[in-house]
Amino acid sequence: MQKVTVTRMELLAKKEQIELAGQGLELLKQKRAALLRELMRVADWVMARSDALQEAAVNACWALARAEARAGTVAVRSAALAARGALRLEVQSANVMGVRVPVIEQKRVSRSVLGRGYAISGTSVTIDEAAAAFEAEVDSLIELAQSELRLERLAREIQSTSRRTNALEHIVLPRLIRERDYIEMALDERERADHFRLKRVKRMRQKKAEEEAIIIMNLADQRY
């Protein structure tokens, strides 16, 4: 145990520190519980979006295979080059229970037939279907990426909160309690020792007073 000052003021300070640490521990436990609930909710959402992405990927592959079978590989590649464009995403952040989580602001990737850039007259309907299927896959991918990033941030915050909770519960609070108990024991021992000394001094003074009284009586007897 580190050196502790044995005073009443220090004892009061330790008791106040224990109370504050207990309040902080309770708040951290509540925060961790809330984060765990949010983590489970987001995890369920991630699982759902993962399944949706897998389904969208399968649909896109089948749509591409049909388009290549009907229109030919060259026509599909030509339409893909014409439809190629930049995908603009804006990443912001939101506060979820004290945790900054990413929020991806984006417009839907899905476009109209006229907005894809290739000539309608020179393409097959199956190419339109393949384009729509891949656009839906990209939308699902972005939604899943946002949820996974949020899940990762929540998991890191839960780990950090758990470390702080464990430190308070198993290190800080026990140390403060040991120091408080040590100060109380030392003060009690000091009080008992002081009480014993006072009683001893009182007995010595009483004995001295009795001896002085006997001497005075003896002197009085000698005079008379």
C-alpha atoms as a PDB file:
ATOM      1  CA  MET A   1       0.000   0.000   0.000  1.00  0.00           C
ATOM      2  CA  GLN A   2       1.267   3.449  -0.879  1.00  0.00           C
ATOM      3  CA  LYS A   3       1.941   5.913   1.914  1.00  0.00           C
ATOM      4  CA  VAL A   4      -1.354   7.218   3.280  1.00  0.00           C
ATOM      5  CA  THR A   5      -1.791  10.247   5.508  1.00  0.00           C
ATOM      6  CA  VAL A   6      -3.650   9.208   8.639  1.00  0.00           C
ATOM      7  CA  THR A   7      -5.900  12.176   9.356  1.00  0.00           C
ATOM      8  CA  ARG A   8      -9.626  12.816   9.651  1.00  0.00           C
ATOM      9  CA  MET A   9      -9.502  15.020   6.557  1.00  0.00           C
ATOM     10  CA  GLU A  10      -7.836  12.253   4.565  1.00  0.00           C
ATOM     11  CA  LEU A  11     -10.482   9.791   5.766  1.00  0.00           C
ATOM     12  CA  LEU A  12     -13.263  12.105   4.587  1.00  0.00           C
ATOM     13  CA  ALA A  13     -11.483  12.538   1.252  1.00  0.00           C
ATOM     14  CA  LYS A  14     -11.193   8.759   0.781  1.00  0.00           C
ATOM     15  CA  LYS A  15     -14.888   8.279   1.554  1.00  0.00           C
ATOM     16  CA  GLU A  16     -15.780  10.947  -1.003  1.00  0.00           C
ATOM     17  CA  GLN A  17     -13.508   9.329  -3.599  1.00  0.00           C
ATOM     18  CA  ILE A  18     -15.142   5.950  -2.966  1.00  0.00           C
ATOM     19  CA  GLU A  19     -18.588   7.463  -3.435  1.00  0.00           C
ATOM     20  CA  LEU A  20     -17.580   9.189  -6.693  1.00  0.00           C
ATOM     21  CA  ALA A  21     -15.881   6.030  -7.981  1.00  0.00           C
ATOM     22  CA  GLY A  22     -18.999   4.019  -7.187  1.00  0.00           C
ATOM     23  CA  GLN A  23     -21.170   6.486  -9.091  1.00  0.00           C
ATOM     24  CA  GLY A  24     -18.770   6.418 -12.029  1.00  0.00           C
ATOM     25  CA  LEU A  25     -18.775   2.620 -12.011  1.00  0.00           C
ATOM     26  CA  GLU A  26     -22.564   2.527 -12.101  1.00  0.00           C
ATOM     27  CA  LEU A  27     -22.665   4.989 -15.016  1.00  0.00           C
ATOM     28  CA  LEU A  28     -20.077   2.968 -16.946  1.00  0.00           C
ATOM     29  CA  LYS A  29     -22.065  -0.227 -16.400  1.00  0.00           C
ATOM     30  CA  GLN A  30     -25.216   1.483 -17.656  1.00  0.00           C
ATOM     31  CA  LYS A  31     -23.353   2.812 -20.688  1.00  0.00           C
ATOM     32  CA  ARG A  32     -21.895  -0.612 -21.453  1.00  0.00           C
ATOM     33  CA  ALA A  33     -25.328  -2.227 -21.207  1.00  0.00           C
ATOM     34  CA  ALA A  34     -26.816   0.383 -23.549  1.00  0.00           C
ATOM     35  CA  LEU A  35     -23.946  -0.056 -26.016  1.00  0.00           C
ATOM     36  CA  LEU A  36     -24.391  -3.823 -25.952  1.00  0.00           C
ATOM     37  CA  ARG A  37     -28.090  -3.445 -26.769  1.00  0.00           C
ATOM     38  CA  GLU A  38     -27.230  -1.133 -29.663  1.00  0.00           C
ATOM     39  CA  LEU A  39     -24.508  -3.532 -30.800  1.00  0.00           C
ATOM     40  CA  MET A  40     -26.965  -6.436 -30.929  1.00  0.00           C
ATOM     41  CA  ARG A  41     -29.452  -4.324 -32.859  1.00  0.00           C
ATOM     42  CA  VAL A  42     -26.826  -3.260 -35.394  1.00  0.00           C
ATOM     43  CA  ALA A  43     -25.499  -6.841 -35.601  1.00  0.00           C
ATOM     44  CA  ASP A  44     -28.989  -8.063 -36.527  1.00  0.00           C
ATOM     45  CA  TRP A  45     -29.162  -5.318 -39.145  1.00  0.00           C
ATOM     46  CA  VAL A  46     -25.734  -6.301 -40.523  1.00  0.00           C
ATOM     47  CA  MET A  47     -26.809  -9.923 -40.807  1.00  0.00           C
ATOM     48  CA  ALA A  48     -29.964  -8.887 -42.649  1.00  0.00           C
ATOM     49  CA  ARG A  49     -28.046  -6.578 -45.021  1.00  0.00           C
ATOM     50  CA  SER A  50     -25.439  -9.290 -45.578  1.00  0.00           C
ATOM     51  CA  ASP A  51     -28.156 -11.707 -46.643  1.00  0.00           C
ATOM     52  CA  ALA A  52     -29.660  -8.992 -48.870  1.00  0.00           C
ATOM     53  CA  LEU A  53     -26.255  -8.324 -50.448  1.00  0.00           C
ATOM     54  CA  GLN A  54     -25.702 -12.010 -51.107  1.00  0.00           C
ATOM     55  CA  GLU A  55     -29.103 -12.285 -52.754  1.00  0.00           C
ATOM     56  CA  ALA A  56     -28.452  -9.151 -54.813  1.00  0.00           C
ATOM     57  CA  ALA A  57     -25.078 -10.540 -55.929  1.00  0.00           C
ATOM     58  CA  VAL A  58     -26.671 -13.822 -57.047  1.00  0.00           C
ATOM     59  CA  ASN A  59     -29.378 -11.948 -58.939  1.00  0.00           C
ATOM     60  CA  ALA A  60     -26.765  -9.744 -60.609  1.00  0.00           C
ATOM     61  CA  CYS A  61     -24.720 -12.752 -61.714  1.00  0.00           C
ATOM     62  CA  TRP A  62     -27.758 -14.450 -63.173  1.00  0.00           C
ATOM     63  CA  ALA A  63     -28.835 -11.225 -64.913  1.00  0.00           C
ATOM     64  CA  LEU A  64     -25.353 -10.826 -66.389  1.00  0.00           C
ATOM     65  CA  ALA A  65     -25.329 -14.407 -67.631  1.00  0.00           C
ATOM     66  CA  ARG A  66     -28.726 -13.912 -69.317  1.00  0.00           C
ATOM     67  CA  ALA A  67     -27.601 -10.642 -70.901  1.00  0.00           C
ATOM     68  CA  GLU A  68     -24.432 -12.205 -72.303  1.00  0.00           C
ATOM     69  CA  ALA A  69     -26.419 -15.188 -73.597  1.00  0.00           C
ATOM     70  CA  ARG A  70     -29.049 -12.996 -75.308  1.00  0.00           C
ATOM     71  CA  ALA A  71     -27.106  -9.918 -76.429  1.00  0.00           C
ATOM     72  CA  GLY A  72     -23.560 -11.232 -76.507  1.00  0.00           C
ATOM     73  CA  THR A  73     -20.474 -10.446 -74.485  1.00  0.00           C
ATOM     74  CA  VAL A  74     -19.369  -7.573 -76.731  1.00  0.00           C
ATOM     75  CA  ALA A  75     -22.702  -5.747 -76.437  1.00  0.00           C
ATOM     76  CA  VAL A  76     -22.719  -6.176 -72.658  1.00  0.00           C
ATOM     77  CA  ARG A  77     -19.174  -4.816 -72.318  1.00  0.00           C
ATOM     78  CA  SER A  78     -19.970  -1.898 -74.620  1.00  0.00           C
ATOM     79  CA  ALA A  79     -23.041  -1.007 -72.550  1.00  0.00           C
ATOM     80  CA  ALA A  80     -21.023  -1.337 -69.323  1.00  0.00           C
ATOM     81  CA  LEU A  81     -18.378   1.093 -70.596  1.00  0.00           C
ATOM     82  CA  ALA A  82     -21.044   3.589 -71.635  1.00  0.00           C
ATOM     83  CA  ALA A  83     -22.841   3.324 -68.286  1.00  0.00           C
ATOM     84  CA  ARG A  84     -19.687   3.706 -66.222  1.00  0.00           C
ATOM     85  CA  GLY A  85     -19.618   6.787 -63.981  1.00  0.00           C
ATOM     86  CA  ALA A  86     -18.392   8.177 -60.690  1.00  0.00           C
ATOM     87  CA  LEU A  87     -20.108   7.232 -57.469  1.00  0.00           C
ATOM     88  CA  ARG A  88     -20.164  10.162 -55.086  1.00  0.00           C
ATOM     89  CA  LEU A  89     -20.483   9.415 -51.381  1.00  0.00           C
ATOM     90  CA  GLU A  90     -20.525  11.857 -48.491  1.00  0.00           C
ATOM     91  CA  VAL A  91     -19.459  10.435 -45.139  1.00  0.00           C
ATOM     92  CA  GLN A  92     -20.686  12.262 -42.039  1.00  0.00           C
ATOM     93  CA  SER A  93     -20.890  11.222 -38.406  1.00  0.00           C
ATOM     94  CA  ALA A  94     -23.623  10.850 -35.825  1.00  0.00           C
ATOM     95  CA  ASN A  95     -23.550  10.514 -32.048  1.00  0.00           C
ATOM     96  CA  VAL A  96     -24.868   7.201 -30.751  1.00  0.00           C
ATOM     97  CA  MET A  97     -24.644   7.063 -26.922  1.00  0.00           C
ATOM     98  CA  GLY A  98     -21.467   9.113 -26.923  1.00  0.00           C
ATOM     99  CA  VAL A  99     -19.894   7.193 -29.819  1.00  0.00           C
ATOM    100  CA  ARG A 100     -19.194   8.898 -33.135  1.00  0.00           C
ATOM    101  CA  VAL A 101     -20.407   6.551 -35.860  1.00  0.00           C
ATOM    102  CA  PRO A 102     -20.183   7.085 -39.634  1.00  0.00           C
ATOM    103  CA  VAL A 103     -23.242   7.938 -41.695  1.00  0.00           C
ATOM    104  CA  ILE A 104     -22.880   7.557 -45.460  1.00  0.00           C
ATOM    105  CA  GLU A 105     -25.048  10.047 -47.293  1.00  0.00           C
ATOM    106  CA  GLN A 106     -25.678   8.848 -50.813  1.00  0.00           C
ATOM    107  CA  LYS A 107     -28.223   8.949 -53.558  1.00  0.00           C
ATOM    108  CA  ARG A 108     -29.530   5.677 -54.830  1.00  0.00           C
ATOM    109  CA  VAL A 109     -27.241   4.115 -57.407  1.00  0.00           C
ATOM    110  CA  SER A 110     -30.228   2.852 -59.389  1.00  0.00           C
ATOM    111  CA  ARG A 111     -30.821   4.897 -62.524  1.00  0.00           C
ATOM    112  CA  SER A 112     -33.413   5.092 -65.235  1.00  0.00           C
ATOM    113  CA  VAL A 113     -32.791   3.402 -68.568  1.00  0.00           C
ATOM    114  CA  LEU A 114     -32.145   6.771 -70.205  1.00  0.00           C
ATOM    115  CA  GLY A 115     -29.744   7.778 -67.461  1.00  0.00           C
ATOM    116  CA  ARG A 116     -27.298   4.915 -67.972  1.00  0.00           C
ATOM    117  CA  GLY A 117     -25.572   6.447 -70.985  1.00  0.00           C
ATOM    118  CA  TYR A 118     -25.993   3.704 -73.585  1.00  0.00           C
ATOM    119  CA  ALA A 119     -28.313   3.731 -76.589  1.00  0.00           C
ATOM    120  CA  ILE A 120     -31.639   2.020 -75.942  1.00  0.00           C
ATOM    121  CA  SER A 121     -32.060   0.993 -79.558  1.00  0.00           C
ATOM    122  CA  GLY A 122     -28.770  -0.901 -79.607  1.00  0.00           C
ATOM    123  CA  THR A 123     -29.207  -2.867 -76.402  1.00  0.00           C
ATOM    124  CA  SER A 124     -31.315  -5.743 -75.206  1.00  0.00           C
ATOM    125  CA  VAL A 125     -33.813  -5.696 -72.355  1.00  0.00           C
ATOM    126  CA  THR A 126     -31.606  -8.231 -70.597  1.00  0.00           C
ATOM    127  CA  ILE A 127     -28.810  -5.635 -70.486  1.00  0.00           C
ATOM    128  CA  ASP A 128     -31.191  -3.226 -68.734  1.00  0.00           C
ATOM    129  CA  GLU A 129     -32.084  -5.960 -66.270  1.00  0.00           C
ATOM    130  CA  ALA A 130     -28.398  -6.724 -65.609  1.00  0.00           C
ATOM    131  CA  ALA A 131     -27.621  -3.041 -65.078  1.00  0.00           C
ATOM    132  CA  ALA A 132     -30.506  -2.690 -62.643  1.00  0.00           C
ATOM    133  CA  ALA A 133     -29.397  -5.822 -60.774  1.00  0.00           C
ATOM    134  CA  PHE A 134     -25.834  -4.580 -60.359  1.00  0.00           C
ATOM    135  CA  GLU A 135     -27.046  -1.137 -59.253  1.00  0.00           C
ATOM    136  CA  ALA A 136     -29.166  -2.837 -56.592  1.00  0.00           C
ATOM    137  CA  GLU A 137     -26.104  -4.820 -55.508  1.00  0.00           C
ATOM    138  CA  VAL A 138     -24.059  -1.622 -55.099  1.00  0.00           C
ATOM    139  CA  ASP A 139     -26.864  -0.059 -53.016  1.00  0.00           C
ATOM    140  CA  SER A 140     -26.873  -3.103 -50.739  1.00  0.00           C
ATOM    141  CA  LEU A 141     -23.070  -3.012 -50.502  1.00  0.00           C
ATOM    142  CA  ILE A 142     -23.044   0.635 -49.349  1.00  0.00           C
ATOM    143  CA  GLU A 143     -25.746  -0.009 -46.755  1.00  0.00           C
ATOM    144  CA  LEU A 144     -23.809  -2.997 -45.433  1.00  0.00           C
ATOM    145  CA  ALA A 145     -20.539  -1.021 -45.312  1.00  0.00           C
ATOM    146  CA  GLN A 146     -22.163   1.713 -43.200  1.00  0.00           C
ATOM    147  CA  SER A 147     -23.612  -0.836 -40.786  1.00  0.00           C
ATOM    148  CA  GLU A 148     -20.315  -2.703 -40.464  1.00  0.00           C
ATOM    149  CA  LEU A 149     -18.451   0.529 -39.718  1.00  0.00           C
ATOM    150  CA  ARG A 150     -21.007   1.384 -37.045  1.00  0.00           C
ATOM    151  CA  LEU A 151     -20.697  -2.118 -35.615  1.00  0.00           C
ATOM    152  CA  GLU A 152     -16.893  -1.802 -35.477  1.00  0.00           C
ATOM    153  CA  ARG A 153     -17.035   1.564 -33.686  1.00  0.00           C
ATOM    154  CA  LEU A 154     -19.531   0.237 -31.137  1.00  0.00           C
ATOM    155  CA  ALA A 155     -17.414  -2.854 -30.485  1.00  0.00           C
ATOM    156  CA  ARG A 156     -14.305  -0.711 -29.865  1.00  0.00           C
ATOM    157  CA  GLU A 157     -16.222   1.573 -27.500  1.00  0.00           C
ATOM    158  CA  ILE A 158     -17.578  -1.433 -25.588  1.00  0.00           C
ATOM    159  CA  GLN A 159     -14.036  -2.762 -25.165  1.00  0.00           C
ATOM    160  CA  SER A 160     -12.840   0.624 -23.917  1.00  0.00           C
ATOM    161  CA  THR A 161     -15.784   0.957 -21.537  1.00  0.00           C
ATOM    162  CA  SER A 162     -15.226  -2.577 -20.237  1.00  0.00           C
ATOM    163  CA  ARG A 163     -11.554  -1.823 -19.525  1.00  0.00           C
ATOM    164  CA  ARG A 164     -12.484   1.304 -17.590  1.00  0.00           C
ATOM    165  CA  THR A 165     -15.238  -0.546 -15.733  1.00  0.00           C
ATOM    166  CA  ASN A 166     -12.896  -3.374 -14.749  1.00  0.00           C
ATOM    167  CA  ALA A 167     -10.205  -0.917 -13.657  1.00  0.00           C
ATOM    168  CA  LEU A 168     -12.657   0.911 -11.404  1.00  0.00           C
ATOM    169  CA  GLU A 169     -14.270  -2.250 -10.048  1.00  0.00           C
ATOM    170  CA  HIS A 170     -11.178  -4.385  -9.490  1.00  0.00           C
ATOM    171  CA  ILE A 171      -8.316  -1.891  -8.983  1.00  0.00           C
ATOM    172  CA  VAL A 172      -9.371   1.640  -8.053  1.00  0.00           C
ATOM    173  CA  LEU A 173     -12.302   0.908  -5.731  1.00  0.00           C
ATOM    174  CA  PRO A 174     -10.562  -1.920  -3.811  1.00  0.00           C
ATOM    175  CA  ARG A 175      -7.483   0.284  -3.344  1.00  0.00           C
ATOM    176  CA  LEU A 176      -9.564   3.190  -2.051  1.00  0.00           C
ATOM    177  CA  ILE A 177     -11.467   0.879   0.298  1.00  0.00           C
ATOM    178  CA  ARG A 178      -8.222  -0.598   1.649  1.00  0.00           C
ATOM    179  CA  GLU A 179      -6.833   2.876   2.240  1.00  0.00           C
ATOM    180  CA  ARG A 180     -10.043   3.992   3.951  1.00  0.00           C
ATOM    181  CA  ASP A 181     -10.025   0.911   6.195  1.00  0.00           C
ATOM    182  CA  TYR A 182      -6.353   1.444   7.023  1.00  0.00           C
ATOM    183  CA  ILE A 183      -6.949   5.076   8.008  1.00  0.00           C
ATOM    184  CA  GLU A 184      -9.959   4.129  10.132  1.00  0.00           C
ATOM    185  CA  MET A 185      -7.965   1.389  11.889  1.00  0.00           C
ATOM    186  CA  ALA A 186      -4.998   3.689  12.472  1.00  0.00           C
ATOM    187  CA  LEU A 187      -7.242   6.451  13.825  1.00  0.00           C
ATOM    188  CA  ASP A 188      -9.007   3.975  16.126  1.00  0.00           C
ATOM    189  CA  GLU A 189      -5.665   2.713  17.430  1.00  0.00           C
ATOM    190  CA  ARG A 190      -4.473   6.279  17.921  1.00  0.00           C
ATOM    191  CA  GLU A 191      -7.680   7.150  19.758  1.00  0.00           C
ATOM    192  CA  ARG A 192      -7.341   4.114  22.043  1.00  0.00           C
ATOM    193  CA  ALA A 193      -3.702   4.952  22.732  1.00  0.00           C
ATOM    194  CA  ASP A 194      -4.620   8.562  23.519  1.00  0.00           C
ATOM    195  CA  HIS A 195      -7.413   7.387  25.797  1.00  0.00           C
ATOM    196  CA  PHE A 196      -5.038   5.014  27.593  1.00  0.00           C
ATOM    197  CA  ARG A 197      -2.474   7.781  28.066  1.00  0.00           C
ATOM    198  CA  LEU A 198      -5.111  10.142  29.427  1.00  0.00           C
ATOM    199  CA  LYS A 199      -6.288   7.540  31.926  1.00  0.00           C
ATOM    200  CA  ARG A 200      -2.679   6.889  32.942  1.00  0.00           C
ATOM    201  CA  VAL A 201      -1.996  10.580  33.407  1.00  0.00           C
ATOM    202  CA  LYS A 202      -5.209  10.919  35.388  1.00  0.00           C
ATOM    203  CA  ARG A 203      -4.226   8.035  37.681  1.00  0.00           C
ATOM    204  CA  MET A 204      -0.740   9.489  38.157  1.00  0.00           C
ATOM    205  CA  ARG A 205      -2.173  12.903  39.028  1.00  0.00           C
ATOM    206  CA  GLN A 206      -4.669  11.323  41.395  1.00  0.00           C
ATOM    207  CA  LYS A 207      -1.925   9.290  43.063  1.00  0.00           C
ATOM    208  CA  LYS A 208       0.260  12.381  43.358  1.00  0.00           C
ATOM    209  CA  ALA A 209      -2.635  14.330  44.838  1.00  0.00           C
ATOM    210  CA  GLU A 210      -3.224  11.566  47.376  1.00  0.00           C
ATOM    211  CA  GLU A 211       0.460  11.502  48.293  1.00  0.00           C
ATOM    212  CA  GLU A 212       0.492  15.257  48.708  1.00  0.00           C
ATOM    213  CA  ALA A 213      -2.632  15.057  50.877  1.00  0.00           C
ATOM    214  CA  ILE A 214      -0.942  12.442  53.126  1.00  0.00           C
ATOM    215  CA  ILE A 215       2.156  14.601  53.444  1.00  0.00           C
ATOM    216  CA  ILE A 216       0.059  17.626  54.386  1.00  0.00           C
ATOM    217  CA  MET A 217      -1.836  15.583  56.975  1.00  0.00           C
ATOM    218  CA  ASN A 218       1.403  14.292  58.464  1.00  0.00           C
ATOM    219  CA  LEU A 219       2.797  17.801  58.693  1.00  0.00           C
ATOM    220  CA  ALA A 220      -0.397  18.962  60.361  1.00  0.00           C
ATOM    221  CA  ASP A 221      -0.200  16.158  62.918  1.00  0.00           C
ATOM    222  CA  GLN A 222       3.422  17.046  63.690  1.00  0.00           C
ATOM    223  CA  ARG A 223       2.485  20.648  64.412  1.00  0.00           C
ATOM    224  CA  TYR A 224      -0.224  19.716  66.856  1.00  0.00           C
END
